[in-house]
């Protein structure tokens, strides 16, 4: 799956008026039964191996599990759970180099438990990425999105570089939300669709115009790049972003225990 898709359920604008942005269609649940543990995935997947991601402090006591593109966006709230102390993350992977595939994420406190396994909730993934982090620390680090909606063009990265230069020559600044998503820094206006599509024709490029909800978590999206995972920020992370190879959907988050004795697992396929 190509992760560089529109951030979240944009609507095409019309020439005469701006669209309303209704709640998105519910994502389909991913089929992952309660007994589908990371260890079981490891035992049934040829070449699977564990990679330690390190420690993640949760100073605020609240862990967020979310698609980063919609963190604090206008739609559904992210999945959160109380946590006491630092967490240890390890990632089950298969393959090597650029062909590495994330299979399952395991998150533990320093005193993991053998309590019964249960469904904590679901993380809705529609940008092929998962965010795990300290919710309060992320909100302090990320600037609130303003404006809430922006005009965007989705196209190949090399074409968007030329489009950005074209608009810059016309004294309008466009910002990369993703390598293949270029957006205004102002709210949409009715003329945007015609202007952007005309500019794409002018540089002989194919692309798609849409109105997108602007997320404060765009820096998190950019931090992952082409890697299977990335700390944010690098060095002293308050969060990790991970590539999700499976299709869009509501991914189950399983938990054993609570507080300072807890294990979370998230199958990623």
C-alpha atoms as a PDB file:
ATOM      1  CA  UNK A   1       0.000   0.000   0.000  1.00  0.00           C
ATOM      2  CA  UNK A   2       1.249   3.472  -0.855  1.00  0.00           C
ATOM      3  CA  UNK A   3       1.297   5.520   2.348  1.00  0.00           C
ATOM      4  CA  UNK A   4       1.300   8.840   0.508  1.00  0.00           C
ATOM      5  CA  UNK A   5      -2.455   9.072   0.114  1.00  0.00           C
ATOM      6  CA  UNK A   6      -4.682  12.018   1.063  1.00  0.00           C
ATOM      7  CA  UNK A   7      -4.516  12.745   4.764  1.00  0.00           C
ATOM      8  CA  UNK A   8      -8.142  12.222   5.615  1.00  0.00           C
ATOM      9  CA  UNK A   9     -11.179  11.855   3.438  1.00  0.00           C
ATOM     10  CA  UNK A  10     -11.073  15.139   1.489  1.00  0.00           C
ATOM     11  CA  UNK A  11     -14.003  16.185  -0.626  1.00  0.00           C
ATOM     12  CA  UNK A  12     -13.747  17.614  -4.117  1.00  0.00           C
ATOM     13  CA  UNK A  13     -14.608  21.288  -4.185  1.00  0.00           C
ATOM     14  CA  UNK A  14     -16.976  22.737  -6.730  1.00  0.00           C
ATOM     15  CA  UNK A  15     -16.429  25.998  -8.587  1.00  0.00           C
ATOM     16  CA  UNK A  16     -19.339  27.883  -7.090  1.00  0.00           C
ATOM     17  CA  UNK A  17     -19.135  27.056  -3.404  1.00  0.00           C
ATOM     18  CA  UNK A  18     -17.012  25.273  -0.861  1.00  0.00           C
ATOM     19  CA  UNK A  19     -18.184  21.858   0.306  1.00  0.00           C
ATOM     20  CA  UNK A  20     -19.232  20.881   3.759  1.00  0.00           C
ATOM     21  CA  UNK A  21     -16.969  18.218   5.233  1.00  0.00           C
ATOM     22  CA  UNK A  22     -19.221  15.483   6.667  1.00  0.00           C
ATOM     23  CA  UNK A  23     -17.998  12.677   8.909  1.00  0.00           C
ATOM     24  CA  UNK A  24     -16.224   9.984   6.892  1.00  0.00           C
ATOM     25  CA  UNK A  25     -17.666   6.596   6.121  1.00  0.00           C
ATOM     26  CA  UNK A  26     -16.802   4.076   8.860  1.00  0.00           C
ATOM     27  CA  UNK A  27     -13.704   2.025   8.100  1.00  0.00           C
ATOM     28  CA  UNK A  28     -14.124  -1.758   7.885  1.00  0.00           C
ATOM     29  CA  UNK A  29     -12.857  -3.782  10.860  1.00  0.00           C
ATOM     30  CA  UNK A  30      -9.690  -5.783  10.293  1.00  0.00           C
ATOM     31  CA  UNK A  31     -10.228  -9.519  10.897  1.00  0.00           C
ATOM     32  CA  UNK A  32      -7.941 -10.280  13.830  1.00  0.00           C
ATOM     33  CA  UNK A  33      -9.319 -12.661  16.474  1.00  0.00           C
ATOM     34  CA  UNK A  34      -8.489 -12.367  20.146  1.00  0.00           C
ATOM     35  CA  UNK A  35      -6.114 -15.331  19.979  1.00  0.00           C
ATOM     36  CA  UNK A  36      -4.044 -13.720  17.175  1.00  0.00           C
ATOM     37  CA  UNK A  37      -1.065 -12.735  19.321  1.00  0.00           C
ATOM     38  CA  UNK A  38       2.264 -11.334  18.174  1.00  0.00           C
ATOM     39  CA  UNK A  39       3.921 -14.576  19.268  1.00  0.00           C
ATOM     40  CA  UNK A  40       1.520 -16.618  17.156  1.00  0.00           C
ATOM     41  CA  UNK A  41       2.193 -14.387  14.130  1.00  0.00           C
ATOM     42  CA  UNK A  42       5.929 -14.837  14.754  1.00  0.00           C
ATOM     43  CA  UNK A  43       5.615 -18.623  14.879  1.00  0.00           C
ATOM     44  CA  UNK A  44       3.600 -18.832  11.648  1.00  0.00           C
ATOM     45  CA  UNK A  45       5.535 -16.313   9.536  1.00  0.00           C
ATOM     46  CA  UNK A  46       8.708 -17.474   7.847  1.00  0.00           C
ATOM     47  CA  UNK A  47      11.654 -15.177   8.519  1.00  0.00           C
ATOM     48  CA  UNK A  48       9.867 -13.133  11.192  1.00  0.00           C
ATOM     49  CA  UNK A  49      12.092 -11.542  13.835  1.00  0.00           C
ATOM     50  CA  UNK A  50      11.781  -9.039  16.677  1.00  0.00           C
ATOM     51  CA  UNK A  51      13.292  -5.557  16.635  1.00  0.00           C
ATOM     52  CA  UNK A  52      13.586  -3.570  19.854  1.00  0.00           C
ATOM     53  CA  UNK A  53      12.519   0.051  19.373  1.00  0.00           C
ATOM     54  CA  UNK A  54      13.562   1.165  22.851  1.00  0.00           C
ATOM     55  CA  UNK A  55      11.827   2.952  25.684  1.00  0.00           C
ATOM     56  CA  UNK A  56       8.952   5.413  25.426  1.00  0.00           C
ATOM     57  CA  UNK A  57       8.235   7.536  28.526  1.00  0.00           C
ATOM     58  CA  UNK A  58       4.583   8.401  29.110  1.00  0.00           C
ATOM     59  CA  UNK A  59       5.001  11.239  31.613  1.00  0.00           C
ATOM     60  CA  UNK A  60       1.389  12.386  31.304  1.00  0.00           C
ATOM     61  CA  UNK A  61      -0.003   8.936  32.067  1.00  0.00           C
ATOM     62  CA  UNK A  62      -2.018   8.769  28.824  1.00  0.00           C
ATOM     63  CA  UNK A  63      -0.945   6.693  25.821  1.00  0.00           C
ATOM     64  CA  UNK A  64      -2.486   7.501  22.444  1.00  0.00           C
ATOM     65  CA  UNK A  65      -2.877   4.889  19.680  1.00  0.00           C
ATOM     66  CA  UNK A  66      -4.022   6.539  16.475  1.00  0.00           C
ATOM     67  CA  UNK A  67      -3.606   7.216  12.804  1.00  0.00           C
ATOM     68  CA  UNK A  68      -1.372  10.315  13.064  1.00  0.00           C
ATOM     69  CA  UNK A  69      -3.066  12.092  10.171  1.00  0.00           C
ATOM     70  CA  UNK A  70      -6.282  12.600  12.154  1.00  0.00           C
ATOM     71  CA  UNK A  71      -4.813  13.311  15.592  1.00  0.00           C
ATOM     72  CA  UNK A  72      -6.971  16.064  17.103  1.00  0.00           C
ATOM     73  CA  UNK A  73      -8.735  16.412  13.768  1.00  0.00           C
ATOM     74  CA  UNK A  74     -12.423  17.174  13.210  1.00  0.00           C
ATOM     75  CA  UNK A  75     -13.623  13.569  13.270  1.00  0.00           C
ATOM     76  CA  UNK A  76     -13.409  10.671  15.708  1.00  0.00           C
ATOM     77  CA  UNK A  77     -11.248  10.886  18.853  1.00  0.00           C
ATOM     78  CA  UNK A  78      -8.127   8.704  19.025  1.00  0.00           C
ATOM     79  CA  UNK A  79      -7.891   5.588  21.176  1.00  0.00           C
ATOM     80  CA  UNK A  80      -6.220   6.310  24.524  1.00  0.00           C
ATOM     81  CA  UNK A  81      -5.424   4.315  27.650  1.00  0.00           C
ATOM     82  CA  UNK A  82      -3.954   5.155  31.081  1.00  0.00           C
ATOM     83  CA  UNK A  83      -0.334   4.056  31.546  1.00  0.00           C
ATOM     84  CA  UNK A  84       2.031   4.308  34.495  1.00  0.00           C
ATOM     85  CA  UNK A  85       5.754   4.717  33.790  1.00  0.00           C
ATOM     86  CA  UNK A  86       7.839   4.097  30.701  1.00  0.00           C
ATOM     87  CA  UNK A  87       6.974   1.604  27.994  1.00  0.00           C
ATOM     88  CA  UNK A  88       9.185  -0.815  26.068  1.00  0.00           C
ATOM     89  CA  UNK A  89       8.357  -1.258  22.401  1.00  0.00           C
ATOM     90  CA  UNK A  90       9.303  -4.125  20.145  1.00  0.00           C
ATOM     91  CA  UNK A  91       8.252  -4.674  16.562  1.00  0.00           C
ATOM     92  CA  UNK A  92       7.785  -7.998  14.809  1.00  0.00           C
ATOM     93  CA  UNK A  93       9.063  -7.729  11.235  1.00  0.00           C
ATOM     94  CA  UNK A  94       9.730  -9.853   8.159  1.00  0.00           C
ATOM     95  CA  UNK A  95      12.095  -9.129   5.276  1.00  0.00           C
ATOM     96  CA  UNK A  96      15.098  -6.836   5.064  1.00  0.00           C
ATOM     97  CA  UNK A  97      15.978  -3.332   3.895  1.00  0.00           C
ATOM     98  CA  UNK A  98      13.319  -1.554   1.873  1.00  0.00           C
ATOM     99  CA  UNK A  99      11.308  -4.804   1.744  1.00  0.00           C
ATOM    100  CA  UNK A 100      10.864  -4.922   5.531  1.00  0.00           C
ATOM    101  CA  UNK A 101       7.246  -5.486   6.564  1.00  0.00           C
ATOM    102  CA  UNK A 102       5.855  -4.667  10.003  1.00  0.00           C
ATOM    103  CA  UNK A 103       3.763  -7.552  11.315  1.00  0.00           C
ATOM    104  CA  UNK A 104       2.844  -6.783  14.924  1.00  0.00           C
ATOM    105  CA  UNK A 105       3.673  -4.215  17.599  1.00  0.00           C
ATOM    106  CA  UNK A 106       4.084  -5.178  21.246  1.00  0.00           C
ATOM    107  CA  UNK A 107       4.132  -2.553  24.019  1.00  0.00           C
ATOM    108  CA  UNK A 108       5.000  -3.446  27.610  1.00  0.00           C
ATOM    109  CA  UNK A 109       5.414  -1.765  30.955  1.00  0.00           C
ATOM    110  CA  UNK A 110       8.420  -2.802  33.042  1.00  0.00           C
ATOM    111  CA  UNK A 111       6.241  -5.295  34.923  1.00  0.00           C
ATOM    112  CA  UNK A 112       4.228  -7.125  32.249  1.00  0.00           C
ATOM    113  CA  UNK A 113       1.276  -9.188  33.394  1.00  0.00           C
ATOM    114  CA  UNK A 114      -0.228 -12.562  32.570  1.00  0.00           C
ATOM    115  CA  UNK A 115      -3.787 -11.284  33.042  1.00  0.00           C
ATOM    116  CA  UNK A 116      -6.537 -12.311  30.592  1.00  0.00           C
ATOM    117  CA  UNK A 117      -6.248 -10.774  27.135  1.00  0.00           C
ATOM    118  CA  UNK A 118      -9.080  -8.495  26.034  1.00  0.00           C
ATOM    119  CA  UNK A 119      -9.959  -6.013  23.298  1.00  0.00           C
ATOM    120  CA  UNK A 120      -9.093  -2.459  24.378  1.00  0.00           C
ATOM    121  CA  UNK A 121     -10.505  -0.779  21.277  1.00  0.00           C
ATOM    122  CA  UNK A 122      -9.661  -0.016  17.666  1.00  0.00           C
ATOM    123  CA  UNK A 123      -7.248   2.321  15.889  1.00  0.00           C
ATOM    124  CA  UNK A 124      -8.740   3.558  12.621  1.00  0.00           C
ATOM    125  CA  UNK A 125      -5.957   3.585  10.000  1.00  0.00           C
ATOM    126  CA  UNK A 126      -6.536   5.308   6.663  1.00  0.00           C
ATOM    127  CA  UNK A 127      -3.083   6.787   5.963  1.00  0.00           C
ATOM    128  CA  UNK A 128      -1.085   3.532   6.302  1.00  0.00           C
ATOM    129  CA  UNK A 129       0.537   4.792   9.507  1.00  0.00           C
ATOM    130  CA  UNK A 130       0.194   4.179  13.236  1.00  0.00           C
ATOM    131  CA  UNK A 131       1.121   6.600  16.011  1.00  0.00           C
ATOM    132  CA  UNK A 132       2.035   5.481  19.544  1.00  0.00           C
ATOM    133  CA  UNK A 133       2.913   8.225  22.013  1.00  0.00           C
ATOM    134  CA  UNK A 134       2.399  10.444  25.036  1.00  0.00           C
ATOM    135  CA  UNK A 135      -0.808  12.319  24.208  1.00  0.00           C
ATOM    136  CA  UNK A 136      -0.147  15.430  26.324  1.00  0.00           C
ATOM    137  CA  UNK A 137       3.484  15.703  25.222  1.00  0.00           C
ATOM    138  CA  UNK A 138       2.423  15.464  21.584  1.00  0.00           C
ATOM    139  CA  UNK A 139      -0.180  18.175  22.017  1.00  0.00           C
ATOM    140  CA  UNK A 140       2.409  20.443  23.635  1.00  0.00           C
ATOM    141  CA  UNK A 141       4.876  19.767  20.823  1.00  0.00           C
ATOM    142  CA  UNK A 142       2.492  20.091  17.876  1.00  0.00           C
ATOM    143  CA  UNK A 143       1.043  23.429  16.872  1.00  0.00           C
ATOM    144  CA  UNK A 144      -2.771  23.414  16.691  1.00  0.00           C
ATOM    145  CA  UNK A 145      -3.975  23.301  13.135  1.00  0.00           C
ATOM    146  CA  UNK A 146      -5.088  26.641  11.730  1.00  0.00           C
ATOM    147  CA  UNK A 147      -6.975  26.901   9.466  1.00  0.00           C
ATOM    148  CA  UNK A 148      -8.890  23.671   9.993  1.00  0.00           C
ATOM    149  CA  UNK A 149      -9.397  23.095   6.254  1.00  0.00           C
ATOM    150  CA  UNK A 150      -7.001  23.756   3.376  1.00  0.00           C
ATOM    151  CA  UNK A 151      -6.924  23.324  -0.401  1.00  0.00           C
ATOM    152  CA  UNK A 152      -4.566  20.544  -1.494  1.00  0.00           C
ATOM    153  CA  UNK A 153      -3.254  18.851  -4.596  1.00  0.00           C
ATOM    154  CA  UNK A 154      -2.157  15.216  -4.608  1.00  0.00           C
ATOM    155  CA  UNK A 155       0.368  14.355  -7.319  1.00  0.00           C
ATOM    156  CA  UNK A 156       3.840  12.802  -7.781  1.00  0.00           C
ATOM    157  CA  UNK A 157       6.445  14.556  -5.630  1.00  0.00           C
ATOM    158  CA  UNK A 158       8.529  15.767  -8.571  1.00  0.00           C
ATOM    159  CA  UNK A 159       5.473  17.408 -10.149  1.00  0.00           C
ATOM    160  CA  UNK A 160       4.476  19.081  -6.897  1.00  0.00           C
ATOM    161  CA  UNK A 161       7.930  20.649  -6.628  1.00  0.00           C
ATOM    162  CA  UNK A 162       7.339  22.361  -9.967  1.00  0.00           C
ATOM    163  CA  UNK A 163       3.799  23.327  -8.948  1.00  0.00           C
ATOM    164  CA  UNK A 164       5.079  24.893  -5.741  1.00  0.00           C
ATOM    165  CA  UNK A 165       7.642  26.918  -7.690  1.00  0.00           C
ATOM    166  CA  UNK A 166       4.942  28.098 -10.095  1.00  0.00           C
ATOM    167  CA  UNK A 167       2.729  29.370  -7.261  1.00  0.00           C
ATOM    168  CA  UNK A 168       5.725  30.909  -5.488  1.00  0.00           C
ATOM    169  CA  UNK A 169       6.431  32.970  -8.606  1.00  0.00           C
ATOM    170  CA  UNK A 170       2.839  34.192  -8.280  1.00  0.00           C
ATOM    171  CA  UNK A 171       3.398  35.185  -4.621  1.00  0.00           C
ATOM    172  CA  UNK A 172       1.448  32.325  -3.065  1.00  0.00           C
ATOM    173  CA  UNK A 173       3.071  29.964  -0.578  1.00  0.00           C
ATOM    174  CA  UNK A 174       2.192  26.277  -0.641  1.00  0.00           C
ATOM    175  CA  UNK A 175       3.305  23.785   2.019  1.00  0.00           C
ATOM    176  CA  UNK A 176       4.096  20.092   1.750  1.00  0.00           C
ATOM    177  CA  UNK A 177       1.905  18.075   4.079  1.00  0.00           C
ATOM    178  CA  UNK A 178       3.419  14.921   2.554  1.00  0.00           C
ATOM    179  CA  UNK A 179       5.871  14.428  -0.311  1.00  0.00           C
ATOM    180  CA  UNK A 180       2.878  13.925  -2.611  1.00  0.00           C
ATOM    181  CA  UNK A 181       0.421  16.337  -0.960  1.00  0.00           C
ATOM    182  CA  UNK A 182       0.833  20.106  -1.366  1.00  0.00           C
ATOM    183  CA  UNK A 183      -1.518  22.483   0.418  1.00  0.00           C
ATOM    184  CA  UNK A 184      -2.340  26.134   0.935  1.00  0.00           C
ATOM    185  CA  UNK A 185      -1.632  27.886   4.224  1.00  0.00           C
ATOM    186  CA  UNK A 186      -5.038  29.579   4.113  1.00  0.00           C
ATOM    187  CA  UNK A 187      -8.634  28.320   4.035  1.00  0.00           C
ATOM    188  CA  UNK A 188     -10.067  27.174   0.682  1.00  0.00           C
ATOM    189  CA  UNK A 189     -11.820  29.586  -1.640  1.00  0.00           C
ATOM    190  CA  UNK A 190     -14.267  28.583  -4.413  1.00  0.00           C
ATOM    191  CA  UNK A 191     -11.773  29.431  -7.163  1.00  0.00           C
ATOM    192  CA  UNK A 192      -9.092  27.051  -5.889  1.00  0.00           C
ATOM    193  CA  UNK A 193     -10.169  23.967  -7.819  1.00  0.00           C
ATOM    194  CA  UNK A 194     -10.046  25.677 -11.192  1.00  0.00           C
ATOM    195  CA  UNK A 195      -6.745  27.436 -10.375  1.00  0.00           C
ATOM    196  CA  UNK A 196      -4.970  24.297  -9.181  1.00  0.00           C
ATOM    197  CA  UNK A 197      -6.160  22.141 -12.050  1.00  0.00           C
ATOM    198  CA  UNK A 198      -5.170  24.828 -14.552  1.00  0.00           C
ATOM    199  CA  UNK A 199      -1.712  25.027 -12.956  1.00  0.00           C
ATOM    200  CA  UNK A 200      -1.324  21.252 -13.233  1.00  0.00           C
ATOM    201  CA  UNK A 201      -2.151  21.445 -16.938  1.00  0.00           C
ATOM    202  CA  UNK A 202       0.335  24.285 -17.325  1.00  0.00           C
ATOM    203  CA  UNK A 203       3.194  22.136 -16.013  1.00  0.00           C
ATOM    204  CA  UNK A 204       1.804  19.083 -17.848  1.00  0.00           C
ATOM    205  CA  UNK A 205       1.204  17.044 -14.734  1.00  0.00           C
ATOM    206  CA  UNK A 206      -1.594  14.786 -13.529  1.00  0.00           C
ATOM    207  CA  UNK A 207      -3.040  15.361 -10.082  1.00  0.00           C
ATOM    208  CA  UNK A 208      -6.126  15.584  -7.911  1.00  0.00           C
ATOM    209  CA  UNK A 209      -7.513  18.615  -6.108  1.00  0.00           C
ATOM    210  CA  UNK A 210      -9.349  18.292  -2.809  1.00  0.00           C
ATOM    211  CA  UNK A 211     -10.233  20.067   0.415  1.00  0.00           C
ATOM    212  CA  UNK A 212      -8.449  18.368   3.323  1.00  0.00           C
ATOM    213  CA  UNK A 213      -8.716  18.657   7.106  1.00  0.00           C
ATOM    214  CA  UNK A 214      -5.445  20.090   8.331  1.00  0.00           C
ATOM    215  CA  UNK A 215      -3.881  18.018  11.093  1.00  0.00           C
ATOM    216  CA  UNK A 216      -1.402  19.298  13.693  1.00  0.00           C
ATOM    217  CA  UNK A 217       0.342  15.933  13.247  1.00  0.00           C
ATOM    218  CA  UNK A 218       1.643  16.572   9.727  1.00  0.00           C
ATOM    219  CA  UNK A 219       5.253  16.707  11.066  1.00  0.00           C
ATOM    220  CA  UNK A 220       4.751  13.155  12.311  1.00  0.00           C
ATOM    221  CA  UNK A 221       3.731  12.003   8.847  1.00  0.00           C
ATOM    222  CA  UNK A 222       6.833  13.540   7.318  1.00  0.00           C
ATOM    223  CA  UNK A 223       9.108  12.044   9.985  1.00  0.00           C
ATOM    224  CA  UNK A 224       8.437   8.453   8.865  1.00  0.00           C
ATOM    225  CA  UNK A 225       9.571   8.870   5.273  1.00  0.00           C
ATOM    226  CA  UNK A 226      10.224   5.481   3.671  1.00  0.00           C
ATOM    227  CA  UNK A 227      11.244   3.789   6.943  1.00  0.00           C
ATOM    228  CA  UNK A 228       9.225   1.039   8.660  1.00  0.00           C
ATOM    229  CA  UNK A 229       9.251   3.072  11.887  1.00  0.00           C
ATOM    230  CA  UNK A 230      10.586   6.372  13.246  1.00  0.00           C
ATOM    231  CA  UNK A 231      10.921   8.013  16.667  1.00  0.00           C
ATOM    232  CA  UNK A 232       9.523  11.518  17.145  1.00  0.00           C
ATOM    233  CA  UNK A 233      11.510  13.559  17.763  1.00  0.00           C
ATOM    234  CA  UNK A 234      14.726  11.728  16.998  1.00  0.00           C
ATOM    235  CA  UNK A 235      16.911  11.265  20.090  1.00  0.00           C
ATOM    236  CA  UNK A 236      14.384  11.720  22.902  1.00  0.00           C
ATOM    237  CA  UNK A 237      11.139  10.358  21.507  1.00  0.00           C
ATOM    238  CA  UNK A 238       7.735  11.130  22.922  1.00  0.00           C
ATOM    239  CA  UNK A 239       6.162   9.000  20.171  1.00  0.00           C
ATOM    240  CA  UNK A 240       6.823   6.499  17.410  1.00  0.00           C
ATOM    241  CA  UNK A 241       5.273   6.300  13.965  1.00  0.00           C
ATOM    242  CA  UNK A 242       5.063   2.964  12.155  1.00  0.00           C
ATOM    243  CA  UNK A 243       4.270   1.865   8.645  1.00  0.00           C
ATOM    244  CA  UNK A 244       1.066  -0.213   8.484  1.00  0.00           C
ATOM    245  CA  UNK A 245       1.259  -2.619   5.523  1.00  0.00           C
ATOM    246  CA  UNK A 246      -2.333  -3.809   5.791  1.00  0.00           C
ATOM    247  CA  UNK A 247      -5.299  -2.127   4.085  1.00  0.00           C
ATOM    248  CA  UNK A 248      -7.318   0.741   5.529  1.00  0.00           C
ATOM    249  CA  UNK A 249      -9.474  -0.330   8.419  1.00  0.00           C
ATOM    250  CA  UNK A 250     -10.173  -0.427  12.142  1.00  0.00           C
ATOM    251  CA  UNK A 251      -7.226  -2.289  13.670  1.00  0.00           C
ATOM    252  CA  UNK A 252      -7.841  -4.057  16.994  1.00  0.00           C
ATOM    253  CA  UNK A 253      -5.696  -3.138  19.991  1.00  0.00           C
ATOM    254  CA  UNK A 254      -5.441  -5.946  22.540  1.00  0.00           C
ATOM    255  CA  UNK A 255      -4.437  -5.479  26.173  1.00  0.00           C
ATOM    256  CA  UNK A 256      -3.514  -7.552  29.196  1.00  0.00           C
ATOM    257  CA  UNK A 257      -3.510  -5.918  32.634  1.00  0.00           C
ATOM    258  CA  UNK A 258      -3.486  -2.182  33.319  1.00  0.00           C
ATOM    259  CA  UNK A 259      -1.471   0.699  34.780  1.00  0.00           C
ATOM    260  CA  UNK A 260       2.100  -0.333  35.589  1.00  0.00           C
ATOM    261  CA  UNK A 261       1.480  -4.004  34.695  1.00  0.00           C
ATOM    262  CA  UNK A 262       0.258  -3.981  31.135  1.00  0.00           C
ATOM    263  CA  UNK A 263       0.963  -5.433  27.681  1.00  0.00           C
ATOM    264  CA  UNK A 264      -0.550  -4.055  24.475  1.00  0.00           C
ATOM    265  CA  UNK A 265      -0.432  -5.785  21.097  1.00  0.00           C
ATOM    266  CA  UNK A 266      -1.476  -4.458  17.688  1.00  0.00           C
ATOM    267  CA  UNK A 267      -1.438  -6.805  14.660  1.00  0.00           C
ATOM    268  CA  UNK A 268      -0.579  -4.691  11.607  1.00  0.00           C
ATOM    269  CA  UNK A 269      -1.685  -6.907   8.714  1.00  0.00           C
END
